[in-house]
């Protein structure tokens, strides 16, 4: 059984990008190279530094949730 983490989503990942176009915003993963949504969650998730700090502050074991794929 996998552990759930309320922080695990594309929007909290280091690779998440928002590209602002004149008519819309494009959300994409720079690592995987395709469009995504902020609430999607993939196994290659690597949290941003601010998210890591918040997880530690709330007593969530970061090691249990990070996948070190490159």
PDB file of N, CA and C in Angstrom:
ATOM      1  N   UNK A   1       0.841  -1.185   0.000  1.00  0.00           N
ATOM      2  CA  UNK A   1       0.000   0.000   0.000  1.00  0.00           C
ATOM      3  C   UNK A   1       0.885   1.247   0.000  1.00  0.00           C
ATOM      4  N   UNK A   2       0.572   2.202  -0.842  1.00  0.00           N
ATOM      5  CA  UNK A   2       1.372   3.411  -0.925  1.00  0.00           C
ATOM      6  C   UNK A   2       0.885   4.436   0.087  1.00  0.00           C
ATOM      7  N   UNK A   3       1.820   5.224   0.564  1.00  0.00           N
ATOM      8  CA  UNK A   3       1.486   6.273   1.515  1.00  0.00           C
ATOM      9  C   UNK A   3       0.978   7.481   0.755  1.00  0.00           C
ATOM     10  N   UNK A   4      -0.030   8.134   1.290  1.00  0.00           N
ATOM     11  CA  UNK A   4      -0.554   9.320   0.642  1.00  0.00           C
ATOM     12  C   UNK A   4       0.141  10.551   1.210  1.00  0.00           C
ATOM     13  N   UNK A   5       0.272  11.547   0.383  1.00  0.00           N
ATOM     14  CA  UNK A   5       0.915  12.793   0.771  1.00  0.00           C
ATOM     15  C   UNK A   5       0.109  13.917   0.143  1.00  0.00           C
ATOM     16  N   UNK A   6      -0.488  14.740   0.955  1.00  0.00           N
ATOM     17  CA  UNK A   6      -1.344  15.803   0.424  1.00  0.00           C
ATOM     18  C   UNK A   6      -0.568  16.849  -0.371  1.00  0.00           C
ATOM     19  N   UNK A   7       0.741  16.867  -0.231  1.00  0.00           N
ATOM     20  CA  UNK A   7       1.573  17.804  -0.972  1.00  0.00           C
ATOM     21  C   UNK A   7       1.953  17.290  -2.361  1.00  0.00           C
ATOM     22  N   UNK A   8       1.792  15.997  -2.602  1.00  0.00           N
ATOM     23  CA  UNK A   8       2.263  15.383  -3.847  1.00  0.00           C
ATOM     24  C   UNK A   8       1.340  15.749  -5.005  1.00  0.00           C
ATOM     25  N   UNK A   9       1.759  16.739  -5.775  1.00  0.00           N
ATOM     26  CA  UNK A   9       1.028  17.180  -6.965  1.00  0.00           C
ATOM     27  C   UNK A   9       2.013  17.915  -7.874  1.00  0.00           C
ATOM     28  N   UNK A  10       1.687  17.978  -9.131  1.00  0.00           N
ATOM     29  CA  UNK A  10       2.585  18.633 -10.091  1.00  0.00           C
ATOM     30  C   UNK A  10       2.914  20.071  -9.691  1.00  0.00           C
ATOM     31  N   UNK A  11       1.939  20.804  -9.174  1.00  0.00           N
ATOM     32  CA  UNK A  11       2.153  22.211  -8.845  1.00  0.00           C
ATOM     33  C   UNK A  11       3.205  22.414  -7.757  1.00  0.00           C
ATOM     34  N   UNK A  12       3.519  21.386  -6.980  1.00  0.00           N
ATOM     35  CA  UNK A  12       4.519  21.503  -5.916  1.00  0.00           C
ATOM     36  C   UNK A  12       5.865  20.910  -6.312  1.00  0.00           C
ATOM     37  N   UNK A  13       6.018  20.508  -7.559  1.00  0.00           N
ATOM     38  CA  UNK A  13       7.235  19.868  -8.038  1.00  0.00           C
ATOM     39  C   UNK A  13       8.210  20.891  -8.636  1.00  0.00           C
ATOM     40  N   UNK A  14       9.504  20.585  -8.512  1.00  0.00           N
ATOM     41  CA  UNK A  14      10.555  21.442  -9.077  1.00  0.00           C
ATOM     42  C   UNK A  14      10.443  21.587 -10.590  1.00  0.00           C
ATOM     43  N   UNK A  15       9.891  20.604 -11.252  1.00  0.00           N
ATOM     44  CA  UNK A  15       9.855  20.579 -12.712  1.00  0.00           C
ATOM     45  C   UNK A  15       8.601  21.219 -13.310  1.00  0.00           C
ATOM     46  N   UNK A  16       7.690  21.663 -12.470  1.00  0.00           N
ATOM     47  CA  UNK A  16       6.428  22.253 -12.923  1.00  0.00           C
ATOM     48  C   UNK A  16       6.670  23.668 -13.451  1.00  0.00           C
ATOM     49  N   UNK A  17       6.112  23.951 -14.620  1.00  0.00           N
ATOM     50  CA  UNK A  17       6.268  25.268 -15.232  1.00  0.00           C
ATOM     51  C   UNK A  17       4.908  25.813 -15.638  1.00  0.00           C
ATOM     52  N   UNK A  18       4.773  27.137 -15.526  1.00  0.00           N
ATOM     53  CA  UNK A  18       3.598  27.826 -16.038  1.00  0.00           C
ATOM     54  C   UNK A  18       4.084  28.757 -17.133  1.00  0.00           C
ATOM     55  N   UNK A  19       3.563  28.560 -18.329  1.00  0.00           N
ATOM     56  CA  UNK A  19       3.926  29.410 -19.461  1.00  0.00           C
ATOM     57  C   UNK A  19       2.715  30.274 -19.774  1.00  0.00           C
ATOM     58  N   UNK A  20       2.888  31.581 -19.625  1.00  0.00           N
ATOM     59  CA  UNK A  20       1.776  32.507 -19.831  1.00  0.00           C
ATOM     60  C   UNK A  20       1.758  32.982 -21.279  1.00  0.00           C
ATOM     61  N   UNK A  21       0.700  32.627 -21.965  1.00  0.00           N
ATOM     62  CA  UNK A  21       0.482  33.058 -23.344  1.00  0.00           C
ATOM     63  C   UNK A  21      -0.588  34.145 -23.334  1.00  0.00           C
ATOM     64  N   UNK A  22      -0.718  34.922 -24.414  1.00  0.00           N
ATOM     65  CA  UNK A  22      -1.709  35.991 -24.432  1.00  0.00           C
ATOM     66  C   UNK A  22      -3.157  35.505 -24.188  1.00  0.00           C
ATOM     67  N   UNK A  23      -3.480  34.316 -24.661  1.00  0.00           N
ATOM     68  CA  UNK A  23      -4.865  33.849 -24.559  1.00  0.00           C
ATOM     69  C   UNK A  23      -5.104  32.772 -23.499  1.00  0.00           C
ATOM     70  N   UNK A  24      -4.029  32.178 -22.962  1.00  0.00           N
ATOM     71  CA  UNK A  24      -4.190  31.133 -21.940  1.00  0.00           C
ATOM     72  C   UNK A  24      -2.856  30.843 -21.264  1.00  0.00           C
ATOM     73  N   UNK A  25      -2.918  30.080 -20.181  1.00  0.00           N
ATOM     74  CA  UNK A  25      -1.717  29.595 -19.504  1.00  0.00           C
ATOM     75  C   UNK A  25      -1.501  28.134 -19.864  1.00  0.00           C
ATOM     76  N   UNK A  26      -0.246  27.760 -20.075  1.00  0.00           N
ATOM     77  CA  UNK A  26       0.106  26.368 -20.357  1.00  0.00           C
ATOM     78  C   UNK A  26       0.869  25.843 -19.141  1.00  0.00           C
ATOM     79  N   UNK A  27       0.408  24.716 -18.618  1.00  0.00           N
ATOM     80  CA  UNK A  27       1.051  24.075 -17.483  1.00  0.00           C
ATOM     81  C   UNK A  27       1.783  22.850 -18.009  1.00  0.00           C
ATOM     82  N   UNK A  28       3.092  22.749 -17.716  1.00  0.00           N
ATOM     83  CA  UNK A  28       3.852  21.639 -18.269  1.00  0.00           C
ATOM     84  C   UNK A  28       4.919  21.170 -17.291  1.00  0.00           C
ATOM     85  N   UNK A  29       5.377  19.967 -17.544  1.00  0.00           N
ATOM     86  CA  UNK A  29       6.470  19.378 -16.783  1.00  0.00           C
ATOM     87  C   UNK A  29       7.729  19.484 -17.640  1.00  0.00           C
ATOM     88  N   UNK A  30       8.715  20.194 -17.140  1.00  0.00           N
ATOM     89  CA  UNK A  30       9.953  20.359 -17.917  1.00  0.00           C
ATOM     90  C   UNK A  30      10.738  19.053 -17.980  1.00  0.00           C
ATOM     91  N   UNK A  31      10.570  18.186 -17.001  1.00  0.00           N
ATOM     92  CA  UNK A  31      11.280  16.906 -16.990  1.00  0.00           C
ATOM     93  C   UNK A  31      10.678  15.928 -17.979  1.00  0.00           C
ATOM     94  N   UNK A  32       9.354  15.780 -17.942  1.00  0.00           N
ATOM     95  CA  UNK A  32       8.684  14.822 -18.815  1.00  0.00           C
ATOM     96  C   UNK A  32       8.410  15.391 -20.204  1.00  0.00           C
ATOM     97  N   UNK A  33       8.309  16.726 -20.301  1.00  0.00           N
ATOM     98  CA  UNK A  33       8.162  17.377 -21.593  1.00  0.00           C
ATOM     99  C   UNK A  33       6.754  17.435 -22.151  1.00  0.00           C
ATOM    100  N   UNK A  34       5.746  17.347 -21.302  1.00  0.00           N
ATOM    101  CA  UNK A  34       4.382  17.461 -21.818  1.00  0.00           C
ATOM    102  C   UNK A  34       3.507  18.277 -20.878  1.00  0.00           C
ATOM    103  N   UNK A  35       2.339  18.683 -21.379  1.00  0.00           N
ATOM    104  CA  UNK A  35       1.408  19.456 -20.574  1.00  0.00           C
ATOM    105  C   UNK A  35       0.843  18.606 -19.452  1.00  0.00           C
ATOM    106  N   UNK A  36       0.533  19.266 -18.351  1.00  0.00           N
ATOM    107  CA  UNK A  36      -0.025  18.592 -17.190  1.00  0.00           C
ATOM    108  C   UNK A  36      -1.026  19.526 -16.519  1.00  0.00           C
ATOM    109  N   UNK A  37      -1.592  19.111 -15.451  1.00  0.00           N
ATOM    110  CA  UNK A  37      -2.507  19.922 -14.651  1.00  0.00           C
ATOM    111  C   UNK A  37      -1.896  20.061 -13.260  1.00  0.00           C
ATOM    112  N   UNK A  38      -2.193  21.145 -12.549  1.00  0.00           N
ATOM    113  CA  UNK A  38      -1.600  21.356 -11.229  1.00  0.00           C
ATOM    114  C   UNK A  38      -1.878  20.229 -10.230  1.00  0.00           C
ATOM    115  N   UNK A  39      -3.022  19.583 -10.326  1.00  0.00           N
ATOM    116  CA  UNK A  39      -3.397  18.555  -9.354  1.00  0.00           C
ATOM    117  C   UNK A  39      -2.936  17.148  -9.735  1.00  0.00           C
ATOM    118  N   UNK A  40      -2.386  16.955 -10.918  1.00  0.00           N
ATOM    119  CA  UNK A  40      -1.885  15.635 -11.306  1.00  0.00           C
ATOM    120  C   UNK A  40      -0.702  15.251 -10.421  1.00  0.00           C
ATOM    121  N   UNK A  41      -0.457  13.949 -10.295  1.00  0.00           N
ATOM    122  CA  UNK A  41       0.668  13.460  -9.492  1.00  0.00           C
ATOM    123  C   UNK A  41       1.343  12.309 -10.229  1.00  0.00           C
ATOM    124  N   UNK A  42       2.648  12.422 -10.437  1.00  0.00           N
ATOM    125  CA  UNK A  42       3.426  11.391 -11.101  1.00  0.00           C
ATOM    126  C   UNK A  42       4.482  10.851 -10.138  1.00  0.00           C
ATOM    127  N   UNK A  43       5.024   9.683 -10.426  1.00  0.00           N
ATOM    128  CA  UNK A  43       6.013   9.056  -9.557  1.00  0.00           C
ATOM    129  C   UNK A  43       7.360   9.771  -9.554  1.00  0.00           C
ATOM    130  N   UNK A  44       7.601  10.628 -10.500  1.00  0.00           N
ATOM    131  CA  UNK A  44       8.893  11.317 -10.580  1.00  0.00           C
ATOM    132  C   UNK A  44       8.906  12.624  -9.780  1.00  0.00           C
ATOM    133  N   UNK A  45       7.927  12.835  -8.937  1.00  0.00           N
ATOM    134  CA  UNK A  45       7.763  14.065  -8.163  1.00  0.00           C
ATOM    135  C   UNK A  45       8.979  14.379  -7.312  1.00  0.00           C
ATOM    136  N   UNK A  46       9.467  15.620  -7.442  1.00  0.00           N
ATOM    137  CA  UNK A  46      10.546  16.135  -6.609  1.00  0.00           C
ATOM    138  C   UNK A  46      10.078  17.487  -6.077  1.00  0.00           C
ATOM    139  N   UNK A  47       9.728  17.552  -4.798  1.00  0.00           N
ATOM    140  CA  UNK A  47       9.123  18.766  -4.244  1.00  0.00           C
ATOM    141  C   UNK A  47      10.058  19.966  -4.257  1.00  0.00           C
ATOM    142  N   UNK A  48       9.442  21.137  -4.396  1.00  0.00           N
ATOM    143  CA  UNK A  48      10.186  22.392  -4.312  1.00  0.00           C
ATOM    144  C   UNK A  48      10.704  22.554  -2.890  1.00  0.00           C
ATOM    145  N   UNK A  49      11.713  23.393  -2.717  1.00  0.00           N
ATOM    146  CA  UNK A  49      12.330  23.593  -1.407  1.00  0.00           C
ATOM    147  C   UNK A  49      11.320  24.063  -0.360  1.00  0.00           C
ATOM    148  N   UNK A  50      10.428  24.985  -0.739  1.00  0.00           N
ATOM    149  CA  UNK A  50       9.425  25.470   0.213  1.00  0.00           C
ATOM    150  C   UNK A  50       8.495  24.349   0.668  1.00  0.00           C
ATOM    151  N   UNK A  51       8.159  23.456  -0.227  1.00  0.00           N
ATOM    152  CA  UNK A  51       7.293  22.325   0.100  1.00  0.00           C
ATOM    153  C   UNK A  51       8.026  21.373   1.033  1.00  0.00           C
ATOM    154  N   UNK A  52       9.308  21.137   0.792  1.00  0.00           N
ATOM    155  CA  UNK A  52      10.114  20.286   1.673  1.00  0.00           C
ATOM    156  C   UNK A  52      10.141  20.845   3.091  1.00  0.00           C
ATOM    157  N   UNK A  53      10.330  22.141   3.210  1.00  0.00           N
ATOM    158  CA  UNK A  53      10.365  22.773   4.521  1.00  0.00           C
ATOM    159  C   UNK A  53       9.025  22.627   5.234  1.00  0.00           C
ATOM    160  N   UNK A  54       7.937  22.813   4.521  1.00  0.00           N
ATOM    161  CA  UNK A  54       6.610  22.692   5.111  1.00  0.00           C
ATOM    162  C   UNK A  54       6.327  21.252   5.535  1.00  0.00           C
ATOM    163  N   UNK A  55       6.736  20.301   4.719  1.00  0.00           N
ATOM    164  CA  UNK A  55       6.553  18.895   5.070  1.00  0.00           C
ATOM    165  C   UNK A  55       7.318  18.549   6.341  1.00  0.00           C
ATOM    166  N   UNK A  56       8.555  19.010   6.436  1.00  0.00           N
ATOM    167  CA  UNK A  56       9.364  18.752   7.627  1.00  0.00           C
ATOM    168  C   UNK A  56       8.734  19.395   8.858  1.00  0.00           C
ATOM    169  N   UNK A  57       8.251  20.620   8.691  1.00  0.00           N
ATOM    170  CA  UNK A  57       7.616  21.343   9.794  1.00  0.00           C
ATOM    171  C   UNK A  57       6.390  20.599  10.314  1.00  0.00           C
ATOM    172  N   UNK A  58       5.664  19.939   9.420  1.00  0.00           N
ATOM    173  CA  UNK A  58       4.466  19.218   9.813  1.00  0.00           C
ATOM    174  C   UNK A  58       4.749  17.765  10.198  1.00  0.00           C
ATOM    175  N   UNK A  59       6.014  17.399  10.239  1.00  0.00           N
ATOM    176  CA  UNK A  59       6.398  16.073  10.694  1.00  0.00           C
ATOM    177  C   UNK A  59       6.189  14.966   9.676  1.00  0.00           C
ATOM    178  N   UNK A  60       6.134  15.312   8.406  1.00  0.00           N
ATOM    179  CA  UNK A  60       5.991  14.319   7.349  1.00  0.00           C
ATOM    180  C   UNK A  60       7.376  13.884   6.914  1.00  0.00           C
ATOM    181  N   UNK A  61       7.629  12.590   6.920  1.00  0.00           N
ATOM    182  CA  UNK A  61       8.932  12.069   6.508  1.00  0.00           C
ATOM    183  C   UNK A  61       9.098  12.265   5.010  1.00  0.00           C
ATOM    184  N   UNK A  62       9.986  13.135   4.640  1.00  0.00           N
ATOM    185  CA  UNK A  62      10.208  13.489   3.242  1.00  0.00           C
ATOM    186  C   UNK A  62      10.730  12.304   2.447  1.00  0.00           C
ATOM    187  N   UNK A  63      11.594  11.495   3.046  1.00  0.00           N
ATOM    188  CA  UNK A  63      12.217  10.371   2.353  1.00  0.00           C
ATOM    189  C   UNK A  63      11.185   9.354   1.848  1.00  0.00           C
ATOM    190  N   UNK A  64      10.061   9.258   2.540  1.00  0.00           N
ATOM    191  CA  UNK A  64       9.025   8.295   2.151  1.00  0.00           C
ATOM    192  C   UNK A  64       8.262   8.713   0.904  1.00  0.00           C
ATOM    193  N   UNK A  65       8.406   9.975   0.491  1.00  0.00           N
ATOM    194  CA  UNK A  65       7.574  10.498  -0.577  1.00  0.00           C
ATOM    195  C   UNK A  65       8.339  10.953  -1.806  1.00  0.00           C
ATOM    196  N   UNK A  66       9.655  11.017  -1.714  1.00  0.00           N
ATOM    197  CA  UNK A  66      10.453  11.517  -2.831  1.00  0.00           C
ATOM    198  C   UNK A  66      10.966  10.346  -3.661  1.00  0.00           C
ATOM    199  N   UNK A  67      10.793  10.473  -4.956  1.00  0.00           N
ATOM    200  CA  UNK A  67      11.347   9.484  -5.875  1.00  0.00           C
ATOM    201  C   UNK A  67      12.530  10.138  -6.551  1.00  0.00           C
ATOM    202  N   UNK A  68      13.699   9.613  -6.404  1.00  0.00           N
ATOM    203  CA  UNK A  68      14.928  10.226  -6.890  1.00  0.00           C
ATOM    204  C   UNK A  68      15.256   9.928  -8.340  1.00  0.00           C
ATOM    205  N   UNK A  69      14.273   9.812  -9.188  1.00  0.00           N
ATOM    206  CA  UNK A  69      14.546   9.611 -10.614  1.00  0.00           C
ATOM    207  C   UNK A  69      15.108  10.873 -11.220  1.00  0.00           C
ATOM    208  N   UNK A  70      15.902  10.711 -12.240  1.00  0.00           N
ATOM    209  CA  UNK A  70      16.467  11.886 -12.918  1.00  0.00           C
ATOM    210  C   UNK A  70      16.045  11.876 -14.365  1.00  0.00           C
TER     211      UNK A  70
END
